[in-house]
Every structure is written in structure tokens, then in C-alpha cells.
Amino acid sequence: MQVGCGFRVKAVKGQEYVYFWHYEDRGGKARQVYVYMGPRRSATTADRLAGAVEAYFGRASDDLRRQLGGQRAAIAALRA
């Protein structure tokens, strides 16, 4: 699992657009995925981007907590 996300502003035909990127596990490999958020100068784009970042970190922290639990159980088994 690779953890990370961010955003990028891309210029297309003289206009700027915002894309949210994050890593996803696809077929056992981490892939960087881009999701269109909207035009750069739009307040709704900023809101949509903030929501995507919050959601990503919420999911990632849940996954990391689960993995930590599994590692703790494996370490405890070593001590038994």
C-alpha cells in the first residue's frame, strides 16, 4: 500500500483546471489516479478538493490502523 495524495493544476487551451491525485491499489500495484475537480477559479472546486483530501486521509488512516492491529497481533504471537 502506498499512501499519498495531492492536487495539480493543468492548463488546457489557456484555461486552468484542478485535478486531485491519489494512489490506488490496482491489481496488486500502486497506481497514481487523477480525478477532475473543476476549473481553478471556482469556489466549488476548492470545496470539492478539500472534501476529496479529507476523505482520502480518513480512508488511509483507517487502513493504516487495521494494518497496525495486524502487525501488533503478529508481534504478540512471536512473544507467545
PDB file of N, CA and C in Angstrom:
ATOM      1  N   MET A   1       0.839  -1.183   0.000  1.00  0.00           N
ATOM      2  CA  MET A   1       0.000   0.000   0.000  1.00  0.00           C
ATOM      3  C   MET A   1       0.878   1.238   0.000  1.00  0.00           C
ATOM      4  N   GLN A   2       0.622   2.122  -0.913  1.00  0.00           N
ATOM      5  CA  GLN A   2       1.337   3.386  -0.973  1.00  0.00           C
ATOM      6  C   GLN A   2       0.352   4.485  -0.596  1.00  0.00           C
ATOM      7  N   VAL A   3       0.741   5.315   0.357  1.00  0.00           N
ATOM      8  CA  VAL A   3      -0.134   6.379   0.837  1.00  0.00           C
ATOM      9  C   VAL A   3       0.352   7.703   0.277  1.00  0.00           C
ATOM     10  N   GLY A   4      -0.569   8.485  -0.241  1.00  0.00           N
ATOM     11  CA  GLY A   4      -0.220   9.812  -0.728  1.00  0.00           C
ATOM     12  C   GLY A   4      -1.315  10.382  -1.585  1.00  0.00           C
ATOM     13  N   CYS A   5      -1.433  11.702  -1.526  1.00  0.00           N
ATOM     14  CA  CYS A   5      -2.386  12.395  -2.383  1.00  0.00           C
ATOM     15  C   CYS A   5      -1.976  13.847  -2.491  1.00  0.00           C
ATOM     16  N   GLY A   6      -2.586  14.549  -3.408  1.00  0.00           N
ATOM     17  CA  GLY A   6      -2.313  15.960  -3.603  1.00  0.00           C
ATOM     18  C   GLY A   6      -3.159  16.476  -4.747  1.00  0.00           C
ATOM     19  N   PHE A   7      -2.783  17.616  -5.286  1.00  0.00           N
ATOM     20  CA  PHE A   7      -3.529  18.138  -6.423  1.00  0.00           C
ATOM     21  C   PHE A   7      -2.568  18.789  -7.400  1.00  0.00           C
ATOM     22  N   ARG A   8      -3.074  18.945  -8.600  1.00  0.00           N
ATOM     23  CA  ARG A   8      -2.280  19.535  -9.669  1.00  0.00           C
ATOM     24  C   ARG A   8      -3.176  20.442 -10.496  1.00  0.00           C
ATOM     25  N   VAL A   9      -2.646  21.567 -10.888  1.00  0.00           N
ATOM     26  CA  VAL A   9      -3.358  22.472 -11.780  1.00  0.00           C
ATOM     27  C   VAL A   9      -2.790  22.260 -13.182  1.00  0.00           C
ATOM     28  N   LYS A  10      -3.670  21.936 -14.127  1.00  0.00           N
ATOM     29  CA  LYS A  10      -3.247  21.700 -15.507  1.00  0.00           C
ATOM     30  C   LYS A  10      -3.876  22.753 -16.413  1.00  0.00           C
ATOM     31  N   ALA A  11      -3.070  23.280 -17.302  1.00  0.00           N
ATOM     32  CA  ALA A  11      -3.567  24.246 -18.292  1.00  0.00           C
ATOM     33  C   ALA A  11      -3.989  23.497 -19.549  1.00  0.00           C
ATOM     34  N   VAL A  12      -5.201  23.772 -20.000  1.00  0.00           N
ATOM     35  CA  VAL A  12      -5.736  23.165 -21.215  1.00  0.00           C
ATOM     36  C   VAL A  12      -6.367  24.290 -22.036  1.00  0.00           C
ATOM     37  N   LYS A  13      -5.803  24.530 -23.213  1.00  0.00           N
ATOM     38  CA  LYS A  13      -6.305  25.559 -24.121  1.00  0.00           C
ATOM     39  C   LYS A  13      -6.471  26.910 -23.429  1.00  0.00           C
ATOM     40  N   GLY A  14      -5.471  27.287 -22.630  1.00  0.00           N
ATOM     41  CA  GLY A  14      -5.472  28.582 -21.976  1.00  0.00           C
ATOM     42  C   GLY A  14      -6.288  28.674 -20.698  1.00  0.00           C
ATOM     43  N   GLN A  15      -6.958  27.602 -20.311  1.00  0.00           N
ATOM     44  CA  GLN A  15      -7.745  27.573 -19.073  1.00  0.00           C
ATOM     45  C   GLN A  15      -7.059  26.644 -18.076  1.00  0.00           C
ATOM     46  N   GLU A  16      -7.196  26.932 -16.785  1.00  0.00           N
ATOM     47  CA  GLU A  16      -6.585  26.090 -15.755  1.00  0.00           C
ATOM     48  C   GLU A  16      -7.652  25.252 -15.056  1.00  0.00           C
ATOM     49  N   TYR A  17      -7.310  23.975 -14.864  1.00  0.00           N
ATOM     50  CA  TYR A  17      -8.221  23.025 -14.240  1.00  0.00           C
ATOM     51  C   TYR A  17      -7.488  22.282 -13.129  1.00  0.00           C
ATOM     52  N   VAL A  18      -8.233  21.921 -12.084  1.00  0.00           N
ATOM     53  CA  VAL A  18      -7.655  21.260 -10.917  1.00  0.00           C
ATOM     54  C   VAL A  18      -7.979  19.770 -10.956  1.00  0.00           C
ATOM     55  N   TYR A  19      -6.950  18.971 -10.684  1.00  0.00           N
ATOM     56  CA  TYR A  19      -7.088  17.523 -10.593  1.00  0.00           C
ATOM     57  C   TYR A  19      -6.546  17.056  -9.251  1.00  0.00           C
ATOM     58  N   PHE A  20      -7.306  16.225  -8.574  1.00  0.00           N
ATOM     59  CA  PHE A  20      -6.886  15.584  -7.327  1.00  0.00           C
ATOM     60  C   PHE A  20      -6.229  14.269  -7.701  1.00  0.00           C
ATOM     61  N   TRP A  21      -5.056  13.991  -7.130  1.00  0.00           N
ATOM     62  CA  TRP A  21      -4.419  12.698  -7.400  1.00  0.00           C
ATOM     63  C   TRP A  21      -4.262  11.943  -6.095  1.00  0.00           C
ATOM     64  N   HIS A  22      -4.301  10.632  -6.212  1.00  0.00           N
ATOM     65  CA  HIS A  22      -4.082   9.748  -5.066  1.00  0.00           C
ATOM     66  C   HIS A  22      -3.622   8.393  -5.579  1.00  0.00           C
ATOM     67  N   TYR A  23      -3.123   7.594  -4.668  1.00  0.00           N
ATOM     68  CA  TYR A  23      -2.701   6.245  -5.032  1.00  0.00           C
ATOM     69  C   TYR A  23      -3.817   5.258  -4.750  1.00  0.00           C
ATOM     70  N   GLU A  24      -3.985   4.323  -5.664  1.00  0.00           N
ATOM     71  CA  GLU A  24      -4.932   3.212  -5.512  1.00  0.00           C
ATOM     72  C   GLU A  24      -4.202   1.917  -5.798  1.00  0.00           C
ATOM     73  N   ASP A  25      -4.624   0.865  -5.111  1.00  0.00           N
ATOM     74  CA  ASP A  25      -4.088  -0.460  -5.377  1.00  0.00           C
ATOM     75  C   ASP A  25      -4.896  -1.066  -6.519  1.00  0.00           C
ATOM     76  N   ARG A  26      -4.231  -1.316  -7.628  1.00  0.00           N
ATOM     77  CA  ARG A  26      -4.897  -1.913  -8.793  1.00  0.00           C
ATOM     78  C   ARG A  26      -4.088  -3.115  -9.238  1.00  0.00           C
ATOM     79  N   GLY A  27      -4.679  -4.266  -9.024  1.00  0.00           N
ATOM     80  CA  GLY A  27      -4.015  -5.497  -9.429  1.00  0.00           C
ATOM     81  C   GLY A  27      -2.718  -5.740  -8.667  1.00  0.00           C
ATOM     82  N   GLY A  28      -2.694  -5.355  -7.401  1.00  0.00           N
ATOM     83  CA  GLY A  28      -1.506  -5.575  -6.579  1.00  0.00           C
ATOM     84  C   GLY A  28      -0.420  -4.530  -6.759  1.00  0.00           C
ATOM     85  N   LYS A  29      -0.668  -3.518  -7.569  1.00  0.00           N
ATOM     86  CA  LYS A  29       0.319  -2.459  -7.793  1.00  0.00           C
ATOM     87  C   LYS A  29      -0.294  -1.108  -7.457  1.00  0.00           C
ATOM     88  N   ALA A  30       0.520  -0.225  -6.907  1.00  0.00           N
ATOM     89  CA  ALA A  30       0.048   1.136  -6.612  1.00  0.00           C
ATOM     90  C   ALA A  30       0.061   1.940  -7.907  1.00  0.00           C
ATOM     91  N   ARG A  31      -1.063   2.568  -8.172  1.00  0.00           N
ATOM     92  CA  ARG A  31      -1.191   3.409  -9.362  1.00  0.00           C
ATOM     93  C   ARG A  31      -1.618   4.802  -8.927  1.00  0.00           C
ATOM     94  N   GLN A  32      -1.047   5.813  -9.558  1.00  0.00           N
ATOM     95  CA  GLN A  32      -1.457   7.173  -9.294  1.00  0.00           C
ATOM     96  C   GLN A  32      -2.680   7.474 -10.165  1.00  0.00           C
ATOM     97  N   VAL A  33      -3.747   7.914  -9.529  1.00  0.00           N
ATOM     98  CA  VAL A  33      -5.011   8.156 -10.208  1.00  0.00           C
ATOM     99  C   VAL A  33      -5.354   9.639 -10.090  1.00  0.00           C
ATOM    100  N   TYR A  34      -5.774  10.242 -11.198  1.00  0.00           N
ATOM    101  CA  TYR A  34      -6.186  11.643 -11.216  1.00  0.00           C
ATOM    102  C   TYR A  34      -7.707  11.726 -11.334  1.00  0.00           C
ATOM    103  N   VAL A  35      -8.299  12.644 -10.566  1.00  0.00           N
ATOM    104  CA  VAL A  35      -9.741  12.869 -10.608  1.00  0.00           C
ATOM    105  C   VAL A  35      -9.972  14.359 -10.846  1.00  0.00           C
ATOM    106  N   TYR A  36     -10.763  14.667 -11.833  1.00  0.00           N
ATOM    107  CA  TYR A  36     -11.065  16.063 -12.169  1.00  0.00           C
ATOM    108  C   TYR A  36     -11.905  16.698 -11.067  1.00  0.00           C
ATOM    109  N   MET A  37     -11.496  17.883 -10.606  1.00  0.00           N
ATOM    110  CA  MET A  37     -12.216  18.607  -9.562  1.00  0.00           C
ATOM    111  C   MET A  37     -12.984  19.803 -10.106  1.00  0.00           C
ATOM    112  N   GLY A  38     -12.469  20.452 -11.162  1.00  0.00           N
ATOM    113  CA  GLY A  38     -13.176  21.582 -11.747  1.00  0.00           C
ATOM    114  C   GLY A  38     -12.223  22.691 -12.160  1.00  0.00           C
ATOM    115  N   PRO A  39     -12.780  23.818 -12.618  1.00  0.00           N
ATOM    116  CA  PRO A  39     -11.946  24.942 -13.023  1.00  0.00           C
ATOM    117  C   PRO A  39     -11.223  25.553 -11.822  1.00  0.00           C
ATOM    118  N   ARG A  40     -10.020  26.040 -12.054  1.00  0.00           N
ATOM    119  CA  ARG A  40      -9.178  26.542 -10.977  1.00  0.00           C
ATOM    120  C   ARG A  40      -9.812  27.686 -10.203  1.00  0.00           C
ATOM    121  N   ARG A  41     -10.486  28.586 -10.838  1.00  0.00           N
ATOM    122  CA  ARG A  41     -11.001  29.789 -10.176  1.00  0.00           C
ATOM    123  C   ARG A  41     -12.408  29.616  -9.600  1.00  0.00           C
ATOM    124  N   SER A  42     -12.836  28.397  -9.400  1.00  0.00           N
ATOM    125  CA  SER A  42     -14.172  28.136  -8.876  1.00  0.00           C
ATOM    126  C   SER A  42     -14.113  27.801  -7.380  1.00  0.00           C
ATOM    127  N   ALA A  43     -14.956  28.453  -6.592  1.00  0.00           N
ATOM    128  CA  ALA A  43     -15.019  28.157  -5.154  1.00  0.00           C
ATOM    129  C   ALA A  43     -15.503  26.728  -4.916  1.00  0.00           C
ATOM    130  N   THR A  44     -16.404  26.238  -5.766  1.00  0.00           N
ATOM    131  CA  THR A  44     -16.878  24.864  -5.585  1.00  0.00           C
ATOM    132  C   THR A  44     -15.764  23.860  -5.864  1.00  0.00           C
ATOM    133  N   THR A  45     -14.831  24.210  -6.734  1.00  0.00           N
ATOM    134  CA  THR A  45     -13.690  23.332  -6.989  1.00  0.00           C
ATOM    135  C   THR A  45     -12.848  23.195  -5.728  1.00  0.00           C
ATOM    136  N   ALA A  46     -12.583  24.306  -5.056  1.00  0.00           N
ATOM    137  CA  ALA A  46     -11.804  24.267  -3.813  1.00  0.00           C
ATOM    138  C   ALA A  46     -12.522  23.437  -2.754  1.00  0.00           C
ATOM    139  N   ASP A  47     -13.843  23.589  -2.644  1.00  0.00           N
ATOM    140  CA  ASP A  47     -14.617  22.795  -1.686  1.00  0.00           C
ATOM    141  C   ASP A  47     -14.562  21.309  -2.027  1.00  0.00           C
ATOM    142  N   ARG A  48     -14.725  20.998  -3.310  1.00  0.00           N
ATOM    143  CA  ARG A  48     -14.684  19.603  -3.760  1.00  0.00           C
ATOM    144  C   ARG A  48     -13.301  18.990  -3.485  1.00  0.00           C
ATOM    145  N   LEU A  49     -12.240  19.774  -3.730  1.00  0.00           N
ATOM    146  CA  LEU A  49     -10.878  19.309  -3.488  1.00  0.00           C
ATOM    147  C   LEU A  49     -10.648  19.065  -2.000  1.00  0.00           C
ATOM    148  N   ALA A  50     -11.086  19.991  -1.154  1.00  0.00           N
ATOM    149  CA  ALA A  50     -10.930  19.822   0.298  1.00  0.00           C
ATOM    150  C   ALA A  50     -11.644  18.554   0.769  1.00  0.00           C
ATOM    151  N   GLY A  51     -12.838  18.308   0.250  1.00  0.00           N
ATOM    152  CA  GLY A  51     -13.576  17.095   0.602  1.00  0.00           C
ATOM    153  C   GLY A  51     -12.861  15.827   0.174  1.00  0.00           C
ATOM    154  N   ALA A  52     -12.277  15.854  -1.026  1.00  0.00           N
ATOM    155  CA  ALA A  52     -11.556  14.679  -1.536  1.00  0.00           C
ATOM    156  C   ALA A  52     -10.325  14.385  -0.684  1.00  0.00           C
ATOM    157  N   VAL A  53      -9.599  15.431  -0.293  1.00  0.00           N
ATOM    158  CA  VAL A  53      -8.404  15.244   0.549  1.00  0.00           C
ATOM    159  C   VAL A  53      -8.803  14.682   1.914  1.00  0.00           C
ATOM    160  N   GLU A  54      -9.838  15.266   2.527  1.00  0.00           N
ATOM    161  CA  GLU A  54     -10.308  14.778   3.834  1.00  0.00           C
ATOM    162  C   GLU A  54     -10.737  13.315   3.756  1.00  0.00           C
ATOM    163  N   ALA A  55     -11.493  12.974   2.728  1.00  0.00           N
ATOM    164  CA  ALA A  55     -11.966  11.597   2.572  1.00  0.00           C
ATOM    165  C   ALA A  55     -10.802  10.634   2.364  1.00  0.00           C
ATOM    166  N   TYR A  56      -9.826  11.037   1.558  1.00  0.00           N
ATOM    167  CA  TYR A  56      -8.683  10.168   1.299  1.00  0.00           C
ATOM    168  C   TYR A  56      -7.933   9.871   2.600  1.00  0.00           C
ATOM    169  N   PHE A  57      -7.621  10.915   3.365  1.00  0.00           N
ATOM    170  CA  PHE A  57      -6.873  10.698   4.597  1.00  0.00           C
ATOM    171  C   PHE A  57      -7.683   9.921   5.624  1.00  0.00           C
ATOM    172  N   GLY A  58      -9.008  10.073   5.624  1.00  0.00           N
ATOM    173  CA  GLY A  58      -9.848   9.264   6.502  1.00  0.00           C
ATOM    174  C   GLY A  58      -9.750   7.786   6.168  1.00  0.00           C
ATOM    175  N   ARG A  59      -9.838   7.463   4.864  1.00  0.00           N
ATOM    176  CA  ARG A  59      -9.718   6.055   4.436  1.00  0.00           C
ATOM    177  C   ARG A  59      -8.322   5.519   4.708  1.00  0.00           C
ATOM    178  N   ALA A  60      -7.303   6.328   4.412  1.00  0.00           N
ATOM    179  CA  ALA A  60      -5.920   5.874   4.604  1.00  0.00           C
ATOM    180  C   ALA A  60      -5.632   5.619   6.081  1.00  0.00           C
ATOM    181  N   SER A  61      -6.123   6.481   6.955  1.00  0.00           N
ATOM    182  CA  SER A  61      -5.854   6.272   8.385  1.00  0.00           C
ATOM    183  C   SER A  61      -6.576   5.028   8.889  1.00  0.00           C
ATOM    184  N   ASP A  62      -7.793   4.748   8.384  1.00  0.00           N
ATOM    185  CA  ASP A  62      -8.496   3.514   8.754  1.00  0.00           C
ATOM    186  C   ASP A  62      -7.697   2.294   8.311  1.00  0.00           C
ATOM    187  N   ASP A  63      -7.204   2.312   7.083  1.00  0.00           N
ATOM    188  CA  ASP A  63      -6.410   1.196   6.566  1.00  0.00           C
ATOM    189  C   ASP A  63      -5.128   1.011   7.381  1.00  0.00           C
ATOM    190  N   LEU A  64      -4.464   2.100   7.701  1.00  0.00           N
ATOM    191  CA  LEU A  64      -3.230   2.000   8.481  1.00  0.00           C
ATOM    192  C   LEU A  64      -3.495   1.474   9.889  1.00  0.00           C
ATOM    193  N   ARG A  65      -4.609   1.875  10.507  1.00  0.00           N
ATOM    194  CA  ARG A  65      -4.956   1.346  11.832  1.00  0.00           C
ATOM    195  C   ARG A  65      -5.191  -0.156  11.772  1.00  0.00           C
ATOM    196  N   ARG A  66      -5.884  -0.614  10.712  1.00  0.00           N
ATOM    197  CA  ARG A  66      -6.112  -2.058  10.557  1.00  0.00           C
ATOM    198  C   ARG A  66      -4.784  -2.796  10.394  1.00  0.00           C
ATOM    199  N   GLN A  67      -3.899  -2.242   9.578  1.00  0.00           N
ATOM    200  CA  GLN A  67      -2.600  -2.879   9.378  1.00  0.00           C
ATOM    201  C   GLN A  67      -1.792  -2.901  10.671  1.00  0.00           C
ATOM    202  N   LEU A  68      -1.854  -1.820  11.436  1.00  0.00           N
ATOM    203  CA  LEU A  68      -1.151  -1.772  12.705  1.00  0.00           C
ATOM    204  C   LEU A  68      -1.667  -2.851  13.646  1.00  0.00           C
ATOM    205  N   GLY A  69      -2.971  -3.033  13.679  1.00  0.00           N
ATOM    206  CA  GLY A  69      -3.553  -4.089  14.504  1.00  0.00           C
ATOM    207  C   GLY A  69      -3.038  -5.464  14.113  1.00  0.00           C
ATOM    208  N   GLY A  70      -2.956  -5.719  12.812  1.00  0.00           N
ATOM    209  CA  GLY A  70      -2.426  -7.000  12.340  1.00  0.00           C
ATOM    210  C   GLY A  70      -0.964  -7.192  12.710  1.00  0.00           C
ATOM    211  N   GLN A  71      -0.184  -6.142  12.606  1.00  0.00           N
ATOM    212  CA  GLN A  71       1.237  -6.231  12.970  1.00  0.00           C
ATOM    213  C   GLN A  71       1.397  -6.464  14.467  1.00  0.00           C
ATOM    214  N   ARG A  72       0.596  -5.784  15.266  1.00  0.00           N
ATOM    215  CA  ARG A  72       0.662  -5.987  16.725  1.00  0.00           C
ATOM    216  C   ARG A  72       0.318  -7.422  17.086  1.00  0.00           C
ATOM    217  N   ALA A  73      -0.694  -7.991  16.421  1.00  0.00           N
ATOM    218  CA  ALA A  73      -1.075  -9.387  16.685  1.00  0.00           C
ATOM    219  C   ALA A  73       0.056 -10.330  16.288  1.00  0.00           C
ATOM    220  N   ALA A  74       0.715 -10.078  15.166  1.00  0.00           N
ATOM    221  CA  ALA A  74       1.814 -10.942  14.736  1.00  0.00           C
ATOM    222  C   ALA A  74       3.005 -10.844  15.703  1.00  0.00           C
ATOM    223  N   ILE A  75       3.265  -9.648  16.202  1.00  0.00           N
ATOM    224  CA  ILE A  75       4.360  -9.472  17.170  1.00  0.00           C
ATOM    225  C   ILE A  75       4.012 -10.168  18.477  1.00  0.00           C
ATOM    226  N   ALA A  76       2.769 -10.073  18.907  1.00  0.00           N
ATOM    227  CA  ALA A  76       2.335 -10.751  20.138  1.00  0.00           C
ATOM    228  C   ALA A  76       2.492 -12.264  19.997  1.00  0.00           C
ATOM    229  N   ALA A  77       2.223 -12.785  18.800  1.00  0.00           N
ATOM    230  CA  ALA A  77       2.382 -14.230  18.565  1.00  0.00           C
ATOM    231  C   ALA A  77       3.838 -14.637  18.675  1.00  0.00           C
ATOM    232  N   LEU A  78       4.766 -13.765  18.325  1.00  0.00           N
ATOM    233  CA  LEU A  78       6.187 -14.063  18.473  1.00  0.00           C
ATOM    234  C   LEU A  78       6.567 -14.205  19.934  1.00  0.00           C
ATOM    235  N   ARG A  79       5.905 -13.447  20.799  1.00  0.00           N
ATOM    236  CA  ARG A  79       6.234 -13.465  22.230  1.00  0.00           C
ATOM    237  C   ARG A  79       5.641 -14.684  22.937  1.00  0.00           C
ATOM    238  N   ALA A  80       4.645 -15.306  22.333  1.00  0.00           N
ATOM    239  CA  ALA A  80       3.966 -16.443  22.989  1.00  0.00           C
ATOM    240  C   ALA A  80       4.767 -17.711  22.915  1.00  0.00           C
TER     241      ALA A  80
END
